[in-house]
Amino acid sequence: MPIQQRVRIPDTATSSDPKDGKDRKLSNFLCFAIYSANLAFGRAYKPILDKIGLTYTQYIAMVALSEENDQTVGTLGEKLFLESNTLTPILKKLESMSLVERRRDPADERQVRVNLTPAGRDLLETNPGASLIDATGLGDEFPVVQKSVVRLRDNLLHAAHGKPEKG
């Protein structure tokens, strides 16, 4: 596509005229702030999760199962924003570590159901999440920021599907 026909996606908070490019600084991009915060979270989580032998994705899968056990792989994937073909190897690894159990749904053999094992529940009792809340340095602001980020995510998901979120 010729450069003149490309669609400009404004992302800066201070952009007065997106054509002039004066405010096109990486530090002004909300998407980059979120992206780099995600990388920073990964760095903060790594030493904490290394102590219990899990990756971040394995950890959040187990947390989701601790909230609601006996989920299908598809349902769990929706909650984690992961496709089944991405989630299945993660669950197989957790199963090989005896932290989750996978089984075919007797009512529908096409579905695989996942449960935490007692060892998986015990591992989550170590609660590495508490250390991470402290690491953010947000203190009492933590719930407010968390809710704002969830709202931003939900608005973006609705916009991606052509239905902007209200409120």
C-alpha atoms as a PDB file:
ATOM      1  CA  MET A   1       0.000   0.000   0.000  1.00  0.00           C
ATOM      2  CA  PRO A   2       1.475   3.439  -0.923  1.00  0.00           C
ATOM      3  CA  ILE A   3       2.485   5.498   2.065  1.00  0.00           C
ATOM      4  CA  GLN A   4      -0.098   8.184   1.215  1.00  0.00           C
ATOM      5  CA  GLN A   5      -2.891   5.627   1.578  1.00  0.00           C
ATOM      6  CA  ARG A   6      -1.830   4.200   4.946  1.00  0.00           C
ATOM      7  CA  VAL A   7      -4.152   4.799   7.831  1.00  0.00           C
ATOM      8  CA  ARG A   8      -2.549   6.738  10.690  1.00  0.00           C
ATOM      9  CA  ILE A   9      -3.339   5.296  14.082  1.00  0.00           C
ATOM     10  CA  PRO A  10      -3.037   8.101  16.624  1.00  0.00           C
ATOM     11  CA  ASP A  11      -1.954   6.871  20.021  1.00  0.00           C
ATOM     12  CA  THR A  12      -0.402   9.859  21.697  1.00  0.00           C
ATOM     13  CA  ALA A  13      -2.117  11.653  24.528  1.00  0.00           C
ATOM     14  CA  THR A  14      -0.826  15.082  23.472  1.00  0.00           C
ATOM     15  CA  SER A  15      -1.156  14.894  19.711  1.00  0.00           C
ATOM     16  CA  SER A  16      -2.519  18.186  18.423  1.00  0.00           C
ATOM     17  CA  ASP A  17      -2.104  17.534  14.731  1.00  0.00           C
ATOM     18  CA  PRO A  18      -1.124  13.973  13.893  1.00  0.00           C
ATOM     19  CA  LYS A  19       0.193  15.126  10.505  1.00  0.00           C
ATOM     20  CA  ASP A  20       2.984  17.258  11.914  1.00  0.00           C
ATOM     21  CA  GLY A  21       4.574  14.413  13.899  1.00  0.00           C
ATOM     22  CA  LYS A  22       5.917  16.786  16.575  1.00  0.00           C
ATOM     23  CA  ASP A  23       4.328  14.823  19.409  1.00  0.00           C
ATOM     24  CA  ARG A  24       5.228  11.436  17.978  1.00  0.00           C
ATOM     25  CA  LYS A  25       7.451  10.365  20.826  1.00  0.00           C
ATOM     26  CA  LEU A  26       7.576   6.843  22.119  1.00  0.00           C
ATOM     27  CA  SER A  27       7.046   8.110  25.655  1.00  0.00           C
ATOM     28  CA  ASN A  28       3.663   9.565  24.588  1.00  0.00           C
ATOM     29  CA  PHE A  29       2.281   6.260  23.299  1.00  0.00           C
ATOM     30  CA  LEU A  30      -0.152   4.635  25.721  1.00  0.00           C
ATOM     31  CA  CYS A  31       0.239   1.304  23.935  1.00  0.00           C
ATOM     32  CA  PHE A  32       4.002   1.413  24.530  1.00  0.00           C
ATOM     33  CA  ALA A  33       3.504   2.278  28.209  1.00  0.00           C
ATOM     34  CA  ILE A  34       1.260  -0.796  28.572  1.00  0.00           C
ATOM     35  CA  TYR A  35       3.615  -2.978  26.514  1.00  0.00           C
ATOM     36  CA  SER A  36       6.682  -1.953  28.501  1.00  0.00           C
ATOM     37  CA  ALA A  37       4.781  -2.317  31.808  1.00  0.00           C
ATOM     38  CA  ASN A  38       3.932  -5.872  30.725  1.00  0.00           C
ATOM     39  CA  LEU A  39       7.633  -6.557  30.142  1.00  0.00           C
ATOM     40  CA  ALA A  40       8.449  -5.070  33.550  1.00  0.00           C
ATOM     41  CA  PHE A  41       5.811  -7.292  35.177  1.00  0.00           C
ATOM     42  CA  GLY A  42       7.442 -10.289  33.522  1.00  0.00           C
ATOM     43  CA  ARG A  43      10.815  -9.310  34.949  1.00  0.00           C
ATOM     44  CA  ALA A  44       9.317  -8.781  38.413  1.00  0.00           C
ATOM     45  CA  TYR A  45       7.415 -12.083  38.324  1.00  0.00           C
ATOM     46  CA  LYS A  46      10.275 -14.209  37.021  1.00  0.00           C
ATOM     47  CA  PRO A  47      12.384 -14.537  40.196  1.00  0.00           C
ATOM     48  CA  ILE A  48       9.271 -15.013  42.323  1.00  0.00           C
ATOM     49  CA  LEU A  49       7.801 -17.684  40.039  1.00  0.00           C
ATOM     50  CA  ASP A  50      11.199 -19.333  39.506  1.00  0.00           C
ATOM     51  CA  LYS A  51      11.139 -20.171  43.228  1.00  0.00           C
ATOM     52  CA  ILE A  52       7.986 -22.243  42.726  1.00  0.00           C
ATOM     53  CA  GLY A  53       9.019 -23.576  39.301  1.00  0.00           C
ATOM     54  CA  LEU A  54       6.330 -21.927  37.159  1.00  0.00           C
ATOM     55  CA  THR A  55       6.190 -19.561  34.220  1.00  0.00           C
ATOM     56  CA  TYR A  56       3.797 -16.627  34.332  1.00  0.00           C
ATOM     57  CA  THR A  57       1.377 -18.307  31.921  1.00  0.00           C
ATOM     58  CA  GLN A  58       1.397 -21.516  33.971  1.00  0.00           C
ATOM     59  CA  TYR A  59       0.776 -19.479  37.117  1.00  0.00           C
ATOM     60  CA  ILE A  60      -2.210 -17.546  35.731  1.00  0.00           C
ATOM     61  CA  ALA A  61      -3.716 -20.781  34.367  1.00  0.00           C
ATOM     62  CA  MET A  62      -3.519 -22.265  37.846  1.00  0.00           C
ATOM     63  CA  VAL A  63      -4.973 -19.127  39.438  1.00  0.00           C
ATOM     64  CA  ALA A  64      -7.905 -19.261  36.997  1.00  0.00           C
ATOM     65  CA  LEU A  65      -8.449 -22.916  37.903  1.00  0.00           C
ATOM     66  CA  SER A  66      -8.321 -22.074  41.608  1.00  0.00           C
ATOM     67  CA  GLU A  67     -11.204 -19.646  41.041  1.00  0.00           C
ATOM     68  CA  GLU A  68     -13.257 -22.222  39.141  1.00  0.00           C
ATOM     69  CA  ASN A  69     -12.104 -25.806  38.887  1.00  0.00           C
ATOM     70  CA  ASP A  70     -13.248 -28.329  36.273  1.00  0.00           C
ATOM     71  CA  GLN A  71     -13.176 -25.974  33.289  1.00  0.00           C
ATOM     72  CA  THR A  72     -12.893 -26.953  29.663  1.00  0.00           C
ATOM     73  CA  VAL A  73      -9.689 -25.989  27.889  1.00  0.00           C
ATOM     74  CA  GLY A  74     -11.760 -23.663  25.695  1.00  0.00           C
ATOM     75  CA  THR A  75     -13.348 -21.852  28.629  1.00  0.00           C
ATOM     76  CA  LEU A  76     -10.005 -21.494  30.384  1.00  0.00           C
ATOM     77  CA  GLY A  77      -8.455 -20.196  27.163  1.00  0.00           C
ATOM     78  CA  GLU A  78     -11.142 -17.515  26.847  1.00  0.00           C
ATOM     79  CA  LYS A  79     -10.441 -16.305  30.377  1.00  0.00           C
ATOM     80  CA  LEU A  80      -6.702 -16.172  29.722  1.00  0.00           C
ATOM     81  CA  PHE A  81      -7.001 -14.762  26.177  1.00  0.00           C
ATOM     82  CA  LEU A  82      -5.162 -17.822  24.847  1.00  0.00           C
ATOM     83  CA  GLU A  83      -6.036 -20.138  21.983  1.00  0.00           C
ATOM     84  CA  SER A  84      -6.418 -23.839  22.760  1.00  0.00           C
ATOM     85  CA  ASN A  85      -3.342 -24.698  20.687  1.00  0.00           C
ATOM     86  CA  THR A  86      -1.293 -22.327  22.890  1.00  0.00           C
ATOM     87  CA  LEU A  87      -2.864 -23.387  26.174  1.00  0.00           C
ATOM     88  CA  THR A  88      -2.737 -27.168  25.660  1.00  0.00           C
ATOM     89  CA  PRO A  89       1.092 -27.488  25.873  1.00  0.00           C
ATOM     90  CA  ILE A  90       1.051 -25.326  29.023  1.00  0.00           C
ATOM     91  CA  LEU A  91      -1.560 -27.591  30.604  1.00  0.00           C
ATOM     92  CA  LYS A  92       0.327 -30.723  29.527  1.00  0.00           C
ATOM     93  CA  LYS A  93       3.450 -29.380  31.242  1.00  0.00           C
ATOM     94  CA  LEU A  94       1.462 -28.598  34.412  1.00  0.00           C
ATOM     95  CA  GLU A  95       0.025 -32.111  34.244  1.00  0.00           C
ATOM     96  CA  SER A  96       3.523 -33.607  33.950  1.00  0.00           C
ATOM     97  CA  MET A  97       4.386 -31.633  37.117  1.00  0.00           C
ATOM     98  CA  SER A  98       1.306 -33.203  38.825  1.00  0.00           C
ATOM     99  CA  LEU A  99      -0.242 -29.752  39.360  1.00  0.00           C
ATOM    100  CA  VAL A 100      -3.301 -30.181  37.116  1.00  0.00           C
ATOM    101  CA  GLU A 101      -5.309 -33.077  35.812  1.00  0.00           C
ATOM    102  CA  ARG A 102      -6.766 -33.202  32.301  1.00  0.00           C
ATOM    103  CA  ARG A 103      -9.525 -35.590  31.303  1.00  0.00           C
ATOM    104  CA  ARG A 104     -12.036 -36.027  28.519  1.00  0.00           C
ATOM    105  CA  ASP A 105     -15.519 -34.810  29.342  1.00  0.00           C
ATOM    106  CA  PRO A 106     -17.711 -37.938  29.575  1.00  0.00           C
ATOM    107  CA  ALA A 107     -20.679 -35.978  28.175  1.00  0.00           C
ATOM    108  CA  ASP A 108     -18.674 -34.716  25.179  1.00  0.00           C
ATOM    109  CA  GLU A 109     -15.463 -36.578  24.346  1.00  0.00           C
ATOM    110  CA  ARG A 110     -14.315 -33.633  22.184  1.00  0.00           C
ATOM    111  CA  GLN A 111     -13.948 -31.484  25.303  1.00  0.00           C
ATOM    112  CA  VAL A 112     -11.031 -31.704  27.718  1.00  0.00           C
ATOM    113  CA  ARG A 113     -11.701 -30.654  31.314  1.00  0.00           C
ATOM    114  CA  VAL A 114      -8.969 -29.378  33.613  1.00  0.00           C
ATOM    115  CA  ASN A 115      -8.709 -29.476  37.400  1.00  0.00           C
ATOM    116  CA  LEU A 116      -6.102 -28.479  39.945  1.00  0.00           C
ATOM    117  CA  THR A 117      -4.634 -31.379  41.869  1.00  0.00           C
ATOM    118  CA  PRO A 118      -4.104 -31.147  45.628  1.00  0.00           C
ATOM    119  CA  ALA A 119      -0.414 -30.466  44.872  1.00  0.00           C
ATOM    120  CA  GLY A 120      -1.461 -27.620  42.578  1.00  0.00           C
ATOM    121  CA  ARG A 121      -3.647 -26.099  45.281  1.00  0.00           C
ATOM    122  CA  ASP A 122      -0.832 -26.430  47.806  1.00  0.00           C
ATOM    123  CA  LEU A 123       1.599 -24.696  45.459  1.00  0.00           C
ATOM    124  CA  LEU A 124      -0.763 -21.735  45.042  1.00  0.00           C
ATOM    125  CA  GLU A 125      -0.929 -21.400  48.819  1.00  0.00           C
ATOM    126  CA  THR A 126       2.612 -19.973  48.673  1.00  0.00           C
ATOM    127  CA  ASN A 127       0.874 -16.856  47.207  1.00  0.00           C
ATOM    128  CA  PRO A 128       3.610 -15.233  45.108  1.00  0.00           C
ATOM    129  CA  GLY A 129       1.082 -12.593  44.021  1.00  0.00           C
ATOM    130  CA  ALA A 130       1.356 -10.720  47.308  1.00  0.00           C
ATOM    131  CA  SER A 131       5.031  -9.932  46.647  1.00  0.00           C
ATOM    132  CA  LEU A 132       4.140  -8.549  43.243  1.00  0.00           C
ATOM    133  CA  ILE A 133       1.557  -6.125  44.585  1.00  0.00           C
ATOM    134  CA  ASP A 134       4.264  -4.725  46.839  1.00  0.00           C
ATOM    135  CA  ALA A 135       6.667  -4.552  43.874  1.00  0.00           C
ATOM    136  CA  THR A 136       4.345  -2.173  41.992  1.00  0.00           C
ATOM    137  CA  GLY A 137       4.837   0.513  44.619  1.00  0.00           C
ATOM    138  CA  LEU A 138       1.193   1.551  44.197  1.00  0.00           C
ATOM    139  CA  GLY A 139       0.067   0.783  47.729  1.00  0.00           C
ATOM    140  CA  ASP A 140      -3.579   1.763  48.201  1.00  0.00           C
ATOM    141  CA  GLU A 141      -3.788   2.877  44.544  1.00  0.00           C
ATOM    142  CA  PHE A 142      -3.313  -0.697  43.311  1.00  0.00           C
ATOM    143  CA  PRO A 143      -7.060  -1.572  43.032  1.00  0.00           C
ATOM    144  CA  VAL A 144      -7.828   1.692  41.223  1.00  0.00           C
ATOM    145  CA  VAL A 145      -5.049   1.189  38.668  1.00  0.00           C
ATOM    146  CA  GLN A 146      -5.997  -2.463  38.197  1.00  0.00           C
ATOM    147  CA  LYS A 147      -9.637  -1.548  37.511  1.00  0.00           C
ATOM    148  CA  SER A 148      -8.578   1.185  35.076  1.00  0.00           C
ATOM    149  CA  VAL A 149      -6.363  -1.214  33.128  1.00  0.00           C
ATOM    150  CA  VAL A 150      -9.176  -3.802  32.994  1.00  0.00           C
ATOM    151  CA  ARG A 151     -11.558  -1.125  31.714  1.00  0.00           C
ATOM    152  CA  LEU A 152      -9.012  -0.061  29.076  1.00  0.00           C
ATOM    153  CA  ARG A 153      -8.566  -3.694  27.978  1.00  0.00           C
ATOM    154  CA  ASP A 154     -12.322  -4.253  27.793  1.00  0.00           C
ATOM    155  CA  ASN A 155     -12.844  -1.027  25.810  1.00  0.00           C
ATOM    156  CA  LEU A 156     -10.141  -2.060  23.349  1.00  0.00           C
ATOM    157  CA  LEU A 157     -11.652  -5.524  22.947  1.00  0.00           C
ATOM    158  CA  HIS A 158     -15.095  -4.039  22.319  1.00  0.00           C
ATOM    159  CA  ALA A 159     -13.647  -1.542  19.827  1.00  0.00           C
ATOM    160  CA  ALA A 160     -11.838  -4.360  18.011  1.00  0.00           C
ATOM    161  CA  HIS A 161     -15.210  -6.032  17.544  1.00  0.00           C
ATOM    162  CA  GLY A 162     -16.858  -2.800  16.374  1.00  0.00           C
ATOM    163  CA  LYS A 163     -18.774  -2.241  19.604  1.00  0.00           C
ATOM    164  CA  PRO A 164     -17.231   0.521  21.710  1.00  0.00           C
ATOM    165  CA  GLU A 165     -17.806   0.063  25.427  1.00  0.00           C
ATOM    166  CA  LYS A 166     -19.777   2.781  27.177  1.00  0.00           C
ATOM    167  CA  GLY A 167     -18.958   4.160  30.584  1.00  0.00           C
END
